[in-house]
Amino acid sequence: MQWQQQTCLLTGATGGIGQAIAQALANKGVRLILQGRSESRLQALSRSLPGEHKILVADITTIQGREKICSMAELNAISMLINNAGVGQFSLLEDTEETVIVDTLEANLLAPILLTQALLPVLQKTNQRQVIPSYLVNIGSAFGSIGFAGQSIYCASKFGLRGFTEALYRELADTNVHVSYFAPRATATSINSDQAMAMNNALGNHVDSPEDVAQALIQQLEKGHARQFVGFPETLFVKINGAFPHIADKALLKKLPIIKRFLRPKKDVEHTTQEVLS
């Protein structure tokens, strides 16, 4: 991996995982274009990193935002795109407002697809010019392989992103664009509400630090793996759910009373779409 030859566009750069990824890449000598919606937070992040980097204030969920991103990406001949921006959702489907459903699917699935489509020519042109591989990484989730109660819309978005990434990996297998899917488990960031974190604690779920997640991504890129699932026993449960879903059904049914304890009644529901977009 020729890190110092890479120019990376990182979306959702000021989120918990985004900041950790930015730090890890900057430490490797990667030049970064840090995208987000808060100029002050982007500037603070850029100042904290070694090297010279650029910030990009834009919203990936709008046509205007994506056009702005594409213009800067082409101008700087990016060789790496990391689709990290996204939002979370923690509520029963019956308590989930339509706007939350639309916003979650748009941020986590539709926007990364459209941004990737727009930037593929840039990635392909870059590796032709420099005769080095270019990289596309979609940041998914363990819940992109495991349907989990209380997060049906989030799961739908990440299942979709995983399918998109897998299909694109096979579509571009005869090119120099390396496509990867990276799936962290629960991570200590603001995308998880206090309720969700309390539920993880009650269930005994492991929660990783953003820094550990970023290092796992670095290792994936260095090893050239197309898929990376972070953490045990989650990696095993992903395989069990894929091969023997009825076993996963029974295991998660036992946890359902605990999960529902942390989901507010309909009249008191407060959806958690904490942003990693800015």
Protein backbone atom coordinates (compact mmCIF):
# COMPACT_ATOMS: atom_id res chain seq x y z
CA MET A 1 0.00 0.00 0.00
CA GLN A 2 1.60 3.26 -1.16
CA TRP A 3 0.04 5.50 1.47
CA GLN A 4 1.98 8.67 0.68
CA GLN A 5 0.77 8.60 -2.93
CA GLN A 6 -2.90 8.56 -1.90
CA THR A 7 -5.33 11.47 -1.91
CA CYS A 8 -8.46 10.46 -0.01
CA LEU A 9 -11.92 11.98 0.10
CA LEU A 10 -13.37 11.07 3.48
CA THR A 11 -17.07 11.78 4.01
CA GLY A 12 -18.47 12.31 7.50
CA ALA A 13 -14.98 13.27 8.62
CA THR A 14 -15.95 14.91 11.91
CA GLY A 15 -17.95 11.97 13.25
CA GLY A 16 -16.37 9.67 15.84
CA ILE A 17 -15.17 7.02 13.41
CA GLY A 18 -14.46 9.67 10.75
CA GLN A 19 -12.05 11.57 12.99
CA ALA A 20 -10.25 8.38 13.94
CA ILE A 21 -9.94 7.32 10.29
CA ALA A 22 -8.66 10.79 9.38
CA GLN A 23 -6.01 10.59 12.09
CA ALA A 24 -4.92 7.08 11.08
CA LEU A 25 -4.65 8.00 7.39
CA ALA A 26 -2.85 11.28 8.07
CA ASN A 27 -0.35 9.41 10.22
CA LYS A 28 0.35 7.24 7.16
CA GLY A 29 1.02 10.29 5.01
CA VAL A 30 -2.27 10.33 3.08
CA ARG A 31 -3.49 13.70 1.79
CA LEU A 32 -7.08 14.21 2.88
CA ILE A 33 -10.14 16.04 1.68
CA LEU A 34 -12.28 16.17 4.81
CA GLN A 35 -16.01 16.45 4.05
CA GLY A 36 -18.68 17.45 6.50
CA ARG A 37 -21.35 20.06 7.18
CA SER A 38 -19.67 22.07 9.95
CA GLU A 39 -16.82 24.32 8.81
CA SER A 40 -15.57 24.98 12.33
CA ARG A 41 -15.39 21.28 13.19
CA LEU A 42 -13.66 20.49 9.91
CA GLN A 43 -11.11 23.23 10.47
CA ALA A 44 -10.42 22.00 14.00
CA LEU A 45 -9.94 18.45 12.72
CA SER A 46 -7.64 19.56 9.91
CA ARG A 47 -5.47 21.54 12.33
CA SER A 48 -5.12 18.51 14.59
CA LEU A 49 -3.71 16.28 11.84
CA PRO A 50 -0.15 15.97 10.59
CA GLY A 51 0.33 17.11 7.00
CA GLU A 52 -1.58 19.49 4.73
CA HIS A 53 -5.26 18.73 4.15
CA LYS A 54 -8.31 20.38 2.66
CA ILE A 55 -11.79 20.76 4.07
CA LEU A 56 -15.03 20.58 2.13
CA VAL A 57 -18.30 21.88 3.58
CA ALA A 58 -21.06 20.07 1.70
CA ASP A 59 -24.11 17.89 2.27
CA ILE A 60 -23.87 14.48 0.58
CA THR A 61 -27.66 14.09 0.59
CA THR A 62 -28.24 17.00 -1.81
CA ILE A 63 -27.53 17.30 -5.53
CA GLN A 64 -25.72 20.59 -4.94
CA GLY A 65 -23.60 19.04 -2.19
CA ARG A 66 -22.57 16.08 -4.32
CA GLU A 67 -21.73 18.35 -7.26
CA LYS A 68 -19.49 20.42 -4.98
CA ILE A 69 -17.80 17.26 -3.70
CA CYS A 70 -17.23 15.91 -7.21
CA SER A 71 -15.69 19.17 -8.39
CA MET A 72 -13.12 19.18 -5.61
CA ALA A 73 -12.45 15.45 -5.98
CA GLU A 74 -11.73 15.83 -9.68
CA LEU A 75 -9.61 18.95 -9.17
CA ASN A 76 -7.47 17.09 -6.64
CA ALA A 77 -7.41 13.78 -8.56
CA ILE A 78 -8.48 11.66 -5.60
CA SER A 79 -7.28 8.06 -5.54
CA MET A 80 -9.37 6.96 -2.56
CA LEU A 81 -13.01 7.45 -1.59
CA ILE A 82 -14.22 6.41 1.86
CA ASN A 83 -18.00 6.63 2.21
CA ASN A 84 -18.22 7.02 5.97
CA ALA A 85 -21.01 9.57 6.48
CA GLY A 86 -24.26 8.22 7.85
CA VAL A 87 -26.92 8.34 10.55
CA GLY A 88 -28.29 5.90 13.12
CA GLN A 89 -31.83 4.85 14.04
CA PHE A 90 -33.09 3.23 17.24
CA SER A 91 -36.86 2.81 17.48
CA LEU A 92 -39.63 0.34 16.83
CA LEU A 93 -40.87 0.53 13.25
CA GLU A 94 -44.37 1.51 14.43
CA ASP A 95 -42.86 4.47 16.28
CA THR A 96 -40.59 5.62 13.46
CA GLU A 97 -41.64 8.76 11.62
CA GLU A 98 -41.63 8.73 7.83
CA THR A 99 -39.04 11.50 7.71
CA VAL A 100 -36.65 9.38 9.80
CA ILE A 101 -37.10 6.43 7.43
CA VAL A 102 -36.44 8.58 4.37
CA ASP A 103 -33.48 10.44 5.93
CA THR A 104 -31.82 7.23 7.12
CA LEU A 105 -32.10 5.48 3.77
CA GLU A 106 -31.00 8.60 1.92
CA ALA A 107 -27.91 9.24 4.07
CA ASN A 108 -26.77 5.64 4.52
CA LEU A 109 -27.60 4.15 1.14
CA LEU A 110 -28.77 6.46 -1.63
CA ALA A 111 -26.17 9.21 -1.13
CA PRO A 112 -23.16 6.81 -1.06
CA ILE A 113 -24.43 5.09 -4.21
CA LEU A 114 -24.90 8.36 -6.10
CA LEU A 115 -21.58 9.78 -4.88
CA THR A 116 -19.77 6.60 -5.88
CA GLN A 117 -21.38 6.63 -9.32
CA ALA A 118 -20.34 10.25 -9.86
CA LEU A 119 -16.76 9.70 -8.67
CA LEU A 120 -15.98 6.40 -10.39
CA PRO A 121 -14.66 8.18 -13.50
CA VAL A 122 -12.32 10.21 -11.27
CA LEU A 123 -11.01 7.09 -9.53
CA GLN A 124 -10.54 5.30 -12.84
CA LYS A 125 -8.82 8.31 -14.41
CA THR A 126 -6.53 8.69 -11.39
CA ASN A 127 -5.16 5.17 -11.52
CA GLN A 128 -4.63 5.47 -15.28
CA ARG A 129 -2.56 8.60 -14.78
CA GLN A 130 -0.47 7.39 -11.88
CA VAL A 131 -0.42 3.66 -12.66
CA ILE A 132 -1.34 2.87 -9.05
CA PRO A 133 -4.55 1.31 -7.69
CA SER A 134 -7.38 3.50 -6.48
CA TYR A 135 -9.63 2.55 -3.60
CA LEU A 136 -13.31 2.70 -2.75
CA VAL A 137 -14.33 1.82 0.81
CA ASN A 138 -17.92 1.72 2.02
CA ILE A 139 -18.30 1.82 5.80
CA GLY A 140 -21.09 -0.58 6.71
CA SER A 141 -21.98 -2.27 9.98
CA ALA A 142 -22.39 -5.66 11.59
CA PHE A 143 -26.09 -4.77 11.26
CA GLY A 144 -25.61 -4.89 7.52
CA SER A 145 -25.54 -8.67 7.95
CA ILE A 146 -27.65 -9.17 11.09
CA GLY A 147 -31.22 -7.89 11.31
CA PHE A 148 -31.62 -6.39 14.79
CA ALA A 149 -34.84 -5.41 16.56
CA GLY A 150 -35.28 -1.68 17.03
CA GLN A 151 -33.00 -0.83 14.13
CA SER A 152 -34.95 -2.10 11.14
CA ILE A 153 -34.40 0.96 8.95
CA TYR A 154 -30.72 1.24 9.84
CA CYS A 155 -30.32 -2.47 9.06
CA ALA A 156 -32.13 -2.01 5.75
CA SER A 157 -29.74 0.78 4.77
CA LYS A 158 -26.63 -1.17 5.71
CA PHE A 159 -27.85 -4.44 4.17
CA GLY A 160 -28.36 -2.42 0.99
CA LEU A 161 -24.90 -0.86 1.20
CA ARG A 162 -23.32 -4.29 1.66
CA GLY A 163 -25.15 -5.66 -1.39
CA PHE A 164 -24.20 -2.62 -3.45
CA THR A 165 -20.54 -2.95 -2.45
CA GLU A 166 -20.41 -6.66 -3.20
CA ALA A 167 -21.97 -6.22 -6.62
CA LEU A 168 -19.68 -3.30 -7.45
CA TYR A 169 -16.63 -5.27 -6.31
CA ARG A 170 -17.51 -7.95 -8.84
CA GLU A 171 -18.38 -5.38 -11.51
CA LEU A 172 -14.98 -3.67 -11.19
CA ALA A 173 -12.93 -6.85 -10.64
CA ASP A 174 -11.16 -6.36 -13.98
CA THR A 175 -10.16 -2.76 -13.21
CA ASN A 176 -7.63 -1.08 -10.90
CA VAL A 177 -10.37 0.23 -8.59
CA HIS A 178 -10.23 -1.82 -5.39
CA VAL A 179 -13.67 -2.00 -3.75
CA SER A 180 -13.98 -2.85 -0.04
CA TYR A 181 -16.72 -3.23 2.55
CA PHE A 182 -15.82 -2.49 6.17
CA ALA A 183 -18.24 -3.45 8.93
CA PRO A 184 -17.58 -2.29 12.52
CA ARG A 185 -19.65 -3.57 15.43
CA ALA A 186 -20.94 -1.20 18.13
CA THR A 187 -18.58 1.74 18.49
CA ALA A 188 -18.42 4.44 21.16
CA THR A 189 -19.54 7.41 19.04
CA SER A 190 -22.43 9.89 18.97
CA ILE A 191 -24.24 7.87 16.32
CA ASN A 192 -25.37 5.70 19.23
CA SER A 193 -27.84 7.35 21.60
CA ASP A 194 -27.57 6.99 25.37
CA GLN A 195 -30.42 4.47 25.11
CA ALA A 196 -28.57 2.37 22.57
CA MET A 197 -25.37 2.43 24.62
CA ALA A 198 -27.31 1.44 27.76
CA MET A 199 -28.89 -1.42 25.82
CA ASN A 200 -25.47 -2.61 24.62
CA ASN A 201 -24.29 -2.59 28.21
CA ALA A 202 -27.32 -4.54 29.40
CA LEU A 203 -26.88 -7.10 26.63
CA GLY A 204 -23.16 -7.42 27.30
CA ASN A 205 -22.31 -6.29 23.76
CA HIS A 206 -18.72 -5.33 23.09
CA VAL A 207 -18.20 -1.67 22.18
CA ASP A 208 -15.01 -0.66 20.36
CA SER A 209 -13.21 2.66 20.44
CA PRO A 210 -13.13 4.66 17.19
CA GLU A 211 -9.34 4.37 17.22
CA ASP A 212 -9.47 0.56 17.25
CA VAL A 213 -11.99 0.63 14.40
CA ALA A 214 -9.75 2.93 12.35
CA GLN A 215 -6.76 0.65 12.83
CA ALA A 216 -8.84 -2.33 11.67
CA LEU A 217 -9.65 -0.39 8.49
CA ILE A 218 -5.97 0.40 7.93
CA GLN A 219 -5.16 -3.30 8.26
CA GLN A 220 -7.89 -4.21 5.79
CA LEU A 221 -6.52 -1.83 3.19
CA GLU A 222 -2.95 -3.05 3.72
CA LYS A 223 -4.00 -6.68 3.33
CA GLY A 224 -6.28 -5.96 0.39
CA HIS A 225 -9.31 -7.74 1.81
CA ALA A 226 -12.62 -7.08 0.07
CA ARG A 227 -14.62 -7.58 3.27
CA GLN A 228 -13.78 -6.92 6.89
CA PHE A 229 -16.02 -7.56 9.89
CA VAL A 230 -14.72 -6.24 13.19
CA GLY A 231 -14.81 -8.08 16.50
CA PHE A 232 -15.58 -11.47 17.99
CA PRO A 233 -18.16 -12.97 18.55
CA GLU A 234 -19.89 -10.66 16.05
CA THR A 235 -17.87 -12.04 13.12
CA LEU A 236 -18.98 -15.56 14.06
CA PHE A 237 -22.61 -14.48 14.50
CA VAL A 238 -22.57 -12.93 11.01
CA LYS A 239 -21.62 -16.33 9.60
CA ILE A 240 -24.21 -18.16 11.71
CA ASN A 241 -26.92 -15.71 10.67
CA GLY A 242 -26.00 -16.19 7.02
CA ALA A 243 -25.88 -19.98 7.10
CA PHE A 244 -28.39 -20.84 9.83
CA PRO A 245 -30.67 -17.84 10.37
CA HIS A 246 -33.10 -19.85 12.52
CA ILE A 247 -30.35 -20.22 15.13
CA ALA A 248 -29.84 -16.46 15.16
CA ASP A 249 -33.63 -16.00 15.39
CA LYS A 250 -33.75 -18.01 18.59
CA ALA A 251 -30.72 -16.33 20.12
CA LEU A 252 -32.04 -12.83 19.46
CA LEU A 253 -35.56 -13.74 20.62
CA LYS A 254 -34.13 -14.34 24.08
CA LYS A 255 -32.72 -10.81 24.05
CA LEU A 256 -35.90 -9.14 22.80
CA PRO A 257 -37.32 -8.25 26.26
CA ILE A 258 -34.09 -6.43 27.11
CA ILE A 259 -34.02 -4.64 23.75
CA LYS A 260 -37.62 -3.48 24.07
CA ARG A 261 -36.99 -2.22 27.58
CA PHE A 262 -34.79 0.49 26.05
CA LEU A 263 -37.25 1.42 23.32
CA ARG A 264 -39.59 4.15 24.48
CA PRO A 265 -43.34 3.75 24.23
CA LYS A 266 -44.91 5.29 21.15
CA LYS A 267 -46.16 8.37 22.98
CA ASP A 268 -42.70 9.14 24.36
CA VAL A 269 -40.53 8.05 21.44
CA GLU A 270 -37.49 10.15 20.61
CA HIS A 271 -35.80 8.92 17.47
CA THR A 272 -32.03 8.89 17.48
CA THR A 273 -30.73 10.03 14.14
CA GLN A 274 -27.52 11.41 15.57
CA GLU A 275 -25.48 12.74 12.70
CA VAL A 276 -22.13 11.72 11.39
CA LEU A 277 -22.85 13.80 8.32
CA SER A 278 -21.36 16.97 9.74
